[in-house]
């Protein structure tokens, strides 16, 4: 298990972080975006998706549709919001099994799919920071991308 923490990052820094994260993601990666309402889960997902498809790409929150899919050059990106699921088994009805193995999956409210998500998952926890409009971001995982994430956070990862 590893843990990386970034404290009091602003919106511009969050966008740069998302751009850097996009450099290490590959097909089959599953990322849980955790945090309270308004923490920035959709914002960081939007920035990651735009890193692959361009800043002009419209990336709505999948709150009501549950899933939005995007075609990137090397793989599809699934942006999911599980907030409205009543039972964890409903995640199967979204047809995610194949996406878990051949797409990048960004999942908001992933805890609602508990027991039906892959074992290897990166957790990105977002909470309000100490400064106005800042966020604290904590990365947790079981060796998932640990070496690349370490290089990225320490500024060594190149595209």
N, C-alpha and C. Protein backbone atom coordinates (compact mmCIF):
# COMPACT_ATOMS: atom_id res chain seq x y z
N UNK A 1 0.85 -1.18 0.00
CA UNK A 1 0.00 0.00 0.00
C UNK A 1 0.89 1.24 0.00
N UNK A 2 0.57 2.20 -0.83
CA UNK A 2 1.31 3.45 -0.84
C UNK A 2 0.34 4.60 -0.63
N UNK A 3 0.93 5.75 -0.29
CA UNK A 3 0.14 6.95 -0.07
C UNK A 3 0.98 8.16 -0.45
N UNK A 4 0.43 9.01 -1.31
CA UNK A 4 1.05 10.29 -1.66
C UNK A 4 0.05 11.38 -1.34
N UNK A 5 0.54 12.48 -0.82
CA UNK A 5 -0.34 13.58 -0.44
C UNK A 5 0.14 14.89 -1.05
N UNK A 6 -0.79 15.63 -1.63
CA UNK A 6 -0.53 16.98 -2.12
C UNK A 6 -1.45 17.92 -1.37
N UNK A 7 -0.91 18.97 -0.79
CA UNK A 7 -1.72 19.86 0.04
C UNK A 7 -1.89 21.22 -0.60
N UNK A 8 -3.09 21.76 -0.42
CA UNK A 8 -3.42 23.13 -0.81
C UNK A 8 -3.10 23.46 -2.27
N UNK A 9 -3.53 22.57 -3.19
CA UNK A 9 -3.31 22.88 -4.60
C UNK A 9 -4.51 23.67 -5.13
N UNK A 10 -4.23 24.58 -6.04
CA UNK A 10 -5.30 25.41 -6.62
C UNK A 10 -5.78 24.78 -7.93
N UNK A 11 -6.73 25.42 -8.57
CA UNK A 11 -7.33 24.87 -9.79
C UNK A 11 -6.31 24.70 -10.90
N UNK A 12 -5.43 25.66 -11.06
CA UNK A 12 -4.39 25.58 -12.08
C UNK A 12 -3.45 24.40 -11.81
N UNK A 13 -3.09 24.21 -10.56
CA UNK A 13 -2.22 23.09 -10.20
C UNK A 13 -2.95 21.75 -10.38
N UNK A 14 -4.27 21.75 -10.12
CA UNK A 14 -5.05 20.53 -10.31
C UNK A 14 -5.08 20.16 -11.80
N UNK A 15 -5.19 21.16 -12.65
CA UNK A 15 -5.19 20.89 -14.09
C UNK A 15 -3.84 20.32 -14.52
N UNK A 16 -2.75 20.88 -14.02
CA UNK A 16 -1.42 20.37 -14.35
C UNK A 16 -1.25 18.95 -13.83
N UNK A 17 -1.74 18.69 -12.62
CA UNK A 17 -1.69 17.35 -12.05
C UNK A 17 -2.43 16.36 -12.95
N UNK A 18 -3.63 16.74 -13.40
CA UNK A 18 -4.42 15.87 -14.28
C UNK A 18 -3.69 15.60 -15.59
N UNK A 19 -3.06 16.62 -16.14
CA UNK A 19 -2.28 16.46 -17.37
C UNK A 19 -1.14 15.47 -17.15
N UNK A 20 -0.48 15.58 -16.02
CA UNK A 20 0.61 14.66 -15.70
C UNK A 20 0.09 13.24 -15.45
N UNK A 21 -1.04 13.13 -14.77
CA UNK A 21 -1.62 11.80 -14.53
C UNK A 21 -1.95 11.12 -15.85
N UNK A 22 -2.47 11.87 -16.81
CA UNK A 22 -2.84 11.30 -18.11
C UNK A 22 -1.64 10.62 -18.77
N UNK A 23 -0.44 11.06 -18.45
CA UNK A 23 0.77 10.48 -19.04
C UNK A 23 1.04 9.06 -18.55
N UNK A 24 0.52 8.70 -17.39
CA UNK A 24 0.82 7.37 -16.85
C UNK A 24 -0.32 6.38 -17.01
N UNK A 25 -1.50 6.86 -17.41
CA UNK A 25 -2.64 5.97 -17.54
C UNK A 25 -2.59 5.18 -18.84
N UNK A 26 -3.03 3.92 -18.75
CA UNK A 26 -3.11 3.03 -19.91
C UNK A 26 -4.46 2.32 -19.87
N UNK A 27 -4.79 1.64 -20.96
CA UNK A 27 -6.02 0.86 -21.01
C UNK A 27 -6.02 -0.15 -19.87
N UNK A 28 -7.16 -0.26 -19.19
CA UNK A 28 -7.31 -1.18 -18.07
C UNK A 28 -7.11 -0.53 -16.71
N UNK A 29 -6.70 0.74 -16.70
CA UNK A 29 -6.54 1.43 -15.41
C UNK A 29 -7.90 1.88 -14.90
N UNK A 30 -8.11 1.68 -13.60
CA UNK A 30 -9.36 2.07 -12.95
C UNK A 30 -9.00 3.03 -11.81
N UNK A 31 -9.65 4.19 -11.82
CA UNK A 31 -9.35 5.23 -10.85
C UNK A 31 -10.63 5.61 -10.12
N UNK A 32 -10.60 5.50 -8.79
CA UNK A 32 -11.73 5.92 -7.96
C UNK A 32 -11.48 7.36 -7.53
N UNK A 33 -12.43 8.23 -7.83
CA UNK A 33 -12.35 9.64 -7.44
C UNK A 33 -13.27 9.82 -6.24
N UNK A 34 -12.69 10.07 -5.08
CA UNK A 34 -13.44 10.12 -3.83
C UNK A 34 -13.44 11.53 -3.25
N UNK A 35 -14.56 11.89 -2.64
CA UNK A 35 -14.66 13.19 -1.97
C UNK A 35 -16.11 13.57 -1.82
N UNK A 36 -16.35 14.56 -0.96
CA UNK A 36 -17.70 15.05 -0.74
C UNK A 36 -18.24 15.74 -1.98
N UNK A 37 -19.53 16.05 -1.96
CA UNK A 37 -20.13 16.84 -3.04
C UNK A 37 -19.36 18.14 -3.19
N UNK A 38 -19.00 18.48 -4.41
CA UNK A 38 -18.30 19.73 -4.67
C UNK A 38 -16.81 19.71 -4.39
N UNK A 39 -16.27 18.54 -4.06
CA UNK A 39 -14.84 18.45 -3.73
C UNK A 39 -13.94 18.64 -4.94
N UNK A 40 -14.43 18.26 -6.13
CA UNK A 40 -13.62 18.40 -7.33
C UNK A 40 -13.43 17.11 -8.11
N UNK A 41 -14.25 16.11 -7.82
CA UNK A 41 -14.14 14.83 -8.53
C UNK A 41 -14.39 15.01 -10.03
N UNK A 42 -15.47 15.67 -10.37
CA UNK A 42 -15.79 15.89 -11.80
C UNK A 42 -14.76 16.81 -12.44
N UNK A 43 -14.23 17.74 -11.68
CA UNK A 43 -13.24 18.68 -12.21
C UNK A 43 -11.97 17.96 -12.60
N UNK A 44 -11.45 17.11 -11.72
CA UNK A 44 -10.21 16.41 -12.06
C UNK A 44 -10.45 15.41 -13.19
N UNK A 45 -11.63 14.76 -13.20
CA UNK A 45 -11.97 13.85 -14.31
C UNK A 45 -12.01 14.63 -15.62
N UNK A 46 -12.62 15.80 -15.61
CA UNK A 46 -12.71 16.64 -16.82
C UNK A 46 -11.30 16.99 -17.32
N UNK A 47 -10.44 17.40 -16.39
CA UNK A 47 -9.07 17.76 -16.78
C UNK A 47 -8.31 16.57 -17.35
N UNK A 48 -8.49 15.38 -16.76
CA UNK A 48 -7.82 14.19 -17.28
C UNK A 48 -8.32 13.88 -18.70
N UNK A 49 -9.63 13.90 -18.88
CA UNK A 49 -10.21 13.61 -20.19
C UNK A 49 -9.75 14.64 -21.22
N UNK A 50 -9.75 15.90 -20.85
CA UNK A 50 -9.30 16.95 -21.77
C UNK A 50 -7.81 16.83 -22.09
N UNK A 51 -7.04 16.24 -21.19
CA UNK A 51 -5.62 16.00 -21.47
C UNK A 51 -5.46 15.03 -22.64
N UNK A 52 -6.38 14.11 -22.77
CA UNK A 52 -6.35 13.16 -23.89
C UNK A 52 -6.99 13.73 -25.15
N UNK A 53 -8.05 14.54 -25.01
CA UNK A 53 -8.87 14.92 -26.15
C UNK A 53 -8.84 16.41 -26.51
N UNK A 54 -8.20 17.22 -25.70
CA UNK A 54 -8.13 18.65 -25.96
C UNK A 54 -9.03 19.45 -25.02
N UNK A 55 -8.59 20.66 -24.71
CA UNK A 55 -9.32 21.52 -23.77
C UNK A 55 -10.71 21.89 -24.25
N UNK A 56 -10.93 21.86 -25.56
CA UNK A 56 -12.24 22.24 -26.09
C UNK A 56 -13.29 21.14 -25.93
N UNK A 57 -12.87 19.95 -25.51
CA UNK A 57 -13.79 18.83 -25.35
C UNK A 57 -14.78 19.10 -24.22
N UNK A 58 -16.06 19.01 -24.53
CA UNK A 58 -17.11 19.17 -23.52
C UNK A 58 -17.17 17.89 -22.68
N UNK A 59 -17.01 18.03 -21.38
CA UNK A 59 -17.01 16.88 -20.47
C UNK A 59 -18.05 17.14 -19.37
N UNK A 60 -19.31 16.77 -19.64
CA UNK A 60 -20.34 16.96 -18.61
C UNK A 60 -20.20 15.93 -17.50
N UNK A 61 -20.70 16.27 -16.34
CA UNK A 61 -20.72 15.32 -15.24
C UNK A 61 -21.72 14.21 -15.58
N UNK A 62 -21.35 12.95 -15.34
CA UNK A 62 -22.27 11.84 -15.64
C UNK A 62 -23.26 11.57 -14.50
N UNK A 63 -23.60 12.57 -13.72
CA UNK A 63 -24.48 12.39 -12.57
C UNK A 63 -25.80 11.73 -12.96
N UNK A 64 -26.41 12.16 -14.05
CA UNK A 64 -27.72 11.63 -14.43
C UNK A 64 -27.62 10.50 -15.45
N UNK A 65 -26.60 10.54 -16.30
CA UNK A 65 -26.44 9.48 -17.31
C UNK A 65 -25.70 8.27 -16.74
N UNK A 66 -25.04 8.44 -15.62
CA UNK A 66 -24.21 7.45 -14.93
C UNK A 66 -22.89 7.17 -15.64
N UNK A 67 -22.87 7.17 -16.97
CA UNK A 67 -21.65 6.90 -17.73
C UNK A 67 -21.57 7.83 -18.92
N UNK A 68 -20.39 8.39 -19.13
CA UNK A 68 -20.06 9.11 -20.36
C UNK A 68 -18.82 8.43 -20.93
N UNK A 69 -18.82 8.14 -22.21
CA UNK A 69 -17.65 7.51 -22.82
C UNK A 69 -17.03 8.45 -23.85
N UNK A 70 -15.71 8.32 -23.98
CA UNK A 70 -14.94 9.17 -24.89
C UNK A 70 -13.94 8.29 -25.62
N UNK A 71 -13.72 8.59 -26.89
CA UNK A 71 -12.75 7.83 -27.69
C UNK A 71 -11.45 8.60 -27.76
N UNK A 72 -10.44 8.11 -27.07
CA UNK A 72 -9.10 8.67 -27.15
C UNK A 72 -8.34 7.90 -28.24
N UNK A 73 -7.14 8.32 -28.57
CA UNK A 73 -6.38 7.68 -29.64
C UNK A 73 -6.06 6.22 -29.34
N UNK A 74 -5.63 5.92 -28.11
CA UNK A 74 -5.17 4.57 -27.80
C UNK A 74 -6.21 3.69 -27.11
N UNK A 75 -7.21 4.30 -26.47
CA UNK A 75 -8.23 3.55 -25.74
C UNK A 75 -9.40 4.46 -25.43
N UNK A 76 -10.52 3.84 -25.08
CA UNK A 76 -11.69 4.61 -24.66
C UNK A 76 -11.53 5.03 -23.20
N UNK A 77 -12.23 6.09 -22.85
CA UNK A 77 -12.27 6.56 -21.47
C UNK A 77 -13.72 6.50 -21.02
N UNK A 78 -13.95 5.84 -19.90
CA UNK A 78 -15.28 5.77 -19.29
C UNK A 78 -15.26 6.65 -18.04
N UNK A 79 -16.13 7.62 -18.02
CA UNK A 79 -16.29 8.49 -16.85
C UNK A 79 -17.63 8.10 -16.22
N UNK A 80 -17.56 7.57 -15.00
CA UNK A 80 -18.77 7.05 -14.34
C UNK A 80 -19.05 7.81 -13.05
N UNK A 81 -20.32 7.95 -12.74
CA UNK A 81 -20.75 8.52 -11.47
C UNK A 81 -21.75 7.53 -10.88
N UNK A 82 -21.36 6.87 -9.80
CA UNK A 82 -22.18 5.81 -9.21
C UNK A 82 -23.08 6.32 -8.08
N UNK A 83 -23.14 7.63 -7.89
CA UNK A 83 -23.88 8.21 -6.78
C UNK A 83 -25.33 7.73 -6.73
N UNK A 84 -25.96 7.59 -7.88
CA UNK A 84 -27.38 7.25 -7.92
C UNK A 84 -27.67 5.74 -7.88
N UNK A 85 -26.64 4.91 -7.81
CA UNK A 85 -26.87 3.47 -7.71
C UNK A 85 -27.48 3.14 -6.35
N UNK A 86 -28.51 2.30 -6.38
CA UNK A 86 -29.14 1.88 -5.12
C UNK A 86 -28.50 0.62 -4.57
N UNK A 87 -27.98 -0.22 -5.45
CA UNK A 87 -27.32 -1.48 -5.06
C UNK A 87 -26.00 -1.60 -5.82
N UNK A 88 -24.95 -2.10 -5.18
CA UNK A 88 -23.67 -2.26 -5.88
C UNK A 88 -23.77 -3.12 -7.14
N UNK A 89 -24.70 -4.09 -7.16
CA UNK A 89 -24.83 -4.97 -8.32
C UNK A 89 -25.25 -4.21 -9.58
N UNK A 90 -25.83 -3.03 -9.41
CA UNK A 90 -26.27 -2.24 -10.57
C UNK A 90 -25.10 -1.79 -11.45
N UNK A 91 -23.90 -1.83 -10.92
CA UNK A 91 -22.74 -1.45 -11.73
C UNK A 91 -22.58 -2.41 -12.90
N UNK A 92 -22.96 -3.67 -12.71
CA UNK A 92 -22.86 -4.67 -13.78
C UNK A 92 -23.79 -4.29 -14.94
N UNK A 93 -24.95 -3.74 -14.62
CA UNK A 93 -25.92 -3.34 -15.65
C UNK A 93 -25.39 -2.23 -16.54
N UNK A 94 -24.35 -1.52 -16.09
CA UNK A 94 -23.76 -0.45 -16.90
C UNK A 94 -22.82 -1.01 -17.97
N UNK A 95 -22.54 -2.32 -17.91
CA UNK A 95 -21.68 -2.95 -18.91
C UNK A 95 -20.21 -2.62 -18.74
N UNK A 96 -19.76 -2.52 -17.50
CA UNK A 96 -18.41 -2.04 -17.24
C UNK A 96 -17.32 -3.11 -17.28
N UNK A 97 -17.68 -4.39 -17.24
CA UNK A 97 -16.65 -5.42 -17.15
C UNK A 97 -15.61 -5.30 -18.25
N UNK A 98 -16.04 -5.12 -19.48
CA UNK A 98 -15.10 -4.99 -20.59
C UNK A 98 -14.30 -3.70 -20.47
N UNK A 99 -14.95 -2.63 -20.03
CA UNK A 99 -14.26 -1.35 -19.86
C UNK A 99 -13.14 -1.46 -18.84
N UNK A 100 -13.35 -2.25 -17.79
CA UNK A 100 -12.32 -2.41 -16.76
C UNK A 100 -11.03 -3.00 -17.33
N UNK A 101 -11.14 -3.76 -18.41
CA UNK A 101 -9.93 -4.39 -18.96
C UNK A 101 -9.35 -3.66 -20.16
N UNK A 102 -10.14 -2.85 -20.88
CA UNK A 102 -9.57 -2.24 -22.08
C UNK A 102 -9.81 -0.74 -22.22
N UNK A 103 -10.25 -0.08 -21.16
CA UNK A 103 -10.47 1.37 -21.18
C UNK A 103 -9.89 1.98 -19.91
N UNK A 104 -9.72 3.27 -19.93
CA UNK A 104 -9.42 4.00 -18.69
C UNK A 104 -10.76 4.31 -18.04
N UNK A 105 -10.94 3.93 -16.79
CA UNK A 105 -12.19 4.16 -16.08
C UNK A 105 -11.96 5.14 -14.94
N UNK A 106 -12.68 6.25 -14.98
CA UNK A 106 -12.65 7.26 -13.93
C UNK A 106 -13.99 7.18 -13.23
N UNK A 107 -13.99 6.81 -11.95
CA UNK A 107 -15.24 6.50 -11.26
C UNK A 107 -15.45 7.41 -10.05
N UNK A 108 -16.48 8.23 -10.14
CA UNK A 108 -16.88 9.04 -8.99
C UNK A 108 -17.82 8.21 -8.13
N UNK A 109 -17.74 8.40 -6.83
CA UNK A 109 -18.56 7.67 -5.86
C UNK A 109 -18.36 6.15 -6.03
N UNK A 110 -17.12 5.75 -6.20
CA UNK A 110 -16.79 4.34 -6.44
C UNK A 110 -17.22 3.43 -5.29
N UNK A 111 -17.31 3.96 -4.09
CA UNK A 111 -17.72 3.13 -2.95
C UNK A 111 -19.10 2.53 -3.15
N UNK A 112 -19.92 3.12 -4.04
CA UNK A 112 -21.25 2.59 -4.33
C UNK A 112 -21.17 1.30 -5.15
N UNK A 113 -20.01 1.02 -5.74
CA UNK A 113 -19.81 -0.20 -6.51
C UNK A 113 -18.97 -1.22 -5.77
N UNK A 114 -18.85 -1.03 -4.46
CA UNK A 114 -18.03 -1.90 -3.61
C UNK A 114 -18.31 -3.37 -3.88
N UNK A 115 -17.25 -4.13 -4.06
CA UNK A 115 -17.37 -5.56 -4.30
C UNK A 115 -17.48 -5.92 -5.78
N UNK A 116 -17.66 -4.92 -6.64
CA UNK A 116 -17.81 -5.18 -8.08
C UNK A 116 -16.77 -4.42 -8.90
N UNK A 117 -15.79 -3.85 -8.22
CA UNK A 117 -14.71 -3.13 -8.89
C UNK A 117 -13.47 -4.02 -8.91
N UNK A 118 -12.56 -3.78 -9.85
CA UNK A 118 -11.33 -4.57 -9.89
C UNK A 118 -10.52 -4.40 -8.59
N UNK A 119 -9.63 -5.34 -8.33
CA UNK A 119 -8.78 -5.27 -7.13
C UNK A 119 -7.76 -4.15 -7.27
N UNK A 120 -7.11 -4.06 -8.43
CA UNK A 120 -6.09 -3.04 -8.63
C UNK A 120 -6.78 -1.75 -9.03
N UNK A 121 -6.76 -0.79 -8.13
CA UNK A 121 -7.45 0.47 -8.37
C UNK A 121 -6.65 1.59 -7.71
N UNK A 122 -6.60 2.73 -8.37
CA UNK A 122 -5.97 3.90 -7.76
C UNK A 122 -7.09 4.73 -7.14
N UNK A 123 -6.92 5.08 -5.89
CA UNK A 123 -7.87 5.96 -5.21
C UNK A 123 -7.29 7.36 -5.16
N UNK A 124 -8.06 8.32 -5.62
CA UNK A 124 -7.69 9.72 -5.50
C UNK A 124 -8.74 10.37 -4.61
N UNK A 125 -8.32 10.72 -3.40
CA UNK A 125 -9.21 11.34 -2.43
C UNK A 125 -9.01 12.85 -2.47
N UNK A 126 -10.11 13.58 -2.62
CA UNK A 126 -10.06 15.04 -2.74
C UNK A 126 -10.86 15.65 -1.61
N UNK A 127 -10.26 16.63 -0.93
CA UNK A 127 -10.97 17.34 0.13
C UNK A 127 -10.55 18.80 0.12
N UNK A 128 -11.32 19.63 0.78
CA UNK A 128 -10.98 21.04 0.86
C UNK A 128 -9.65 21.23 1.56
N UNK A 129 -8.85 22.16 1.04
CA UNK A 129 -7.57 22.49 1.65
C UNK A 129 -7.73 23.57 2.70
N UNK A 130 -6.62 24.01 3.23
CA UNK A 130 -6.62 25.04 4.27
C UNK A 130 -6.80 26.44 3.70
N UNK A 131 -6.45 26.63 2.43
CA UNK A 131 -6.56 27.93 1.79
C UNK A 131 -7.86 28.01 0.98
N UNK A 132 -8.34 29.22 0.77
CA UNK A 132 -9.55 29.43 -0.02
C UNK A 132 -9.40 28.81 -1.41
N UNK A 133 -10.38 28.03 -1.84
CA UNK A 133 -10.41 27.38 -3.15
C UNK A 133 -9.25 26.41 -3.39
N UNK A 134 -8.65 25.90 -2.34
CA UNK A 134 -7.58 24.92 -2.52
C UNK A 134 -8.11 23.53 -2.16
N UNK A 135 -7.39 22.51 -2.62
CA UNK A 135 -7.76 21.13 -2.35
C UNK A 135 -6.55 20.36 -1.87
N UNK A 136 -6.80 19.39 -1.01
CA UNK A 136 -5.79 18.41 -0.64
C UNK A 136 -6.14 17.14 -1.42
N UNK A 137 -5.13 16.54 -2.01
CA UNK A 137 -5.35 15.33 -2.80
C UNK A 137 -4.44 14.23 -2.26
N UNK A 138 -5.04 13.09 -1.99
CA UNK A 138 -4.31 11.93 -1.48
C UNK A 138 -4.49 10.78 -2.47
N UNK A 139 -3.37 10.20 -2.88
CA UNK A 139 -3.37 9.04 -3.76
C UNK A 139 -3.12 7.81 -2.90
N UNK A 140 -3.98 6.81 -3.03
CA UNK A 140 -3.82 5.55 -2.29
C UNK A 140 -3.94 4.39 -3.26
N UNK A 141 -3.16 3.35 -3.03
CA UNK A 141 -3.29 2.18 -3.88
C UNK A 141 -2.39 1.05 -3.44
N UNK A 142 -2.60 -0.09 -4.04
CA UNK A 142 -1.79 -1.27 -3.79
C UNK A 142 -0.79 -1.44 -4.92
N UNK A 143 0.27 -0.66 -4.87
CA UNK A 143 1.36 -0.70 -5.86
C UNK A 143 0.90 -0.36 -7.28
N UNK A 144 -0.31 0.14 -7.42
CA UNK A 144 -0.85 0.51 -8.72
C UNK A 144 -0.13 1.76 -9.21
N UNK A 145 0.68 1.63 -10.20
CA UNK A 145 1.39 2.75 -10.79
C UNK A 145 2.33 3.46 -9.81
N UNK A 146 2.73 2.78 -8.75
CA UNK A 146 3.49 3.45 -7.71
C UNK A 146 4.78 4.09 -8.22
N UNK A 147 5.57 3.36 -9.01
CA UNK A 147 6.84 3.91 -9.49
C UNK A 147 6.62 5.12 -10.40
N UNK A 148 5.67 4.99 -11.33
CA UNK A 148 5.41 6.11 -12.23
C UNK A 148 4.81 7.30 -11.49
N UNK A 149 3.93 7.01 -10.53
CA UNK A 149 3.33 8.08 -9.75
C UNK A 149 4.39 8.79 -8.92
N UNK A 150 5.33 8.03 -8.38
CA UNK A 150 6.42 8.62 -7.62
C UNK A 150 7.23 9.58 -8.50
N UNK A 151 7.55 9.14 -9.72
CA UNK A 151 8.29 10.00 -10.64
C UNK A 151 7.47 11.24 -11.02
N UNK A 152 6.19 11.03 -11.25
CA UNK A 152 5.31 12.14 -11.63
C UNK A 152 5.26 13.19 -10.51
N UNK A 153 5.04 12.75 -9.29
CA UNK A 153 4.90 13.67 -8.16
C UNK A 153 6.23 14.38 -7.88
N UNK A 154 7.32 13.68 -8.14
CA UNK A 154 8.63 14.29 -7.91
C UNK A 154 9.14 15.03 -9.14
N UNK A 155 8.31 15.11 -10.20
CA UNK A 155 8.63 15.92 -11.36
C UNK A 155 9.53 15.28 -12.39
N UNK A 156 9.67 13.95 -12.37
CA UNK A 156 10.58 13.29 -13.31
C UNK A 156 9.89 12.64 -14.49
N UNK A 157 8.56 12.49 -14.49
CA UNK A 157 7.85 11.75 -15.54
C UNK A 157 7.71 12.61 -16.79
N UNK A 158 8.08 12.05 -17.92
CA UNK A 158 7.97 12.76 -19.20
C UNK A 158 6.99 12.03 -20.08
N UNK A 159 6.34 12.77 -20.97
CA UNK A 159 5.37 12.16 -21.90
C UNK A 159 6.09 11.48 -23.04
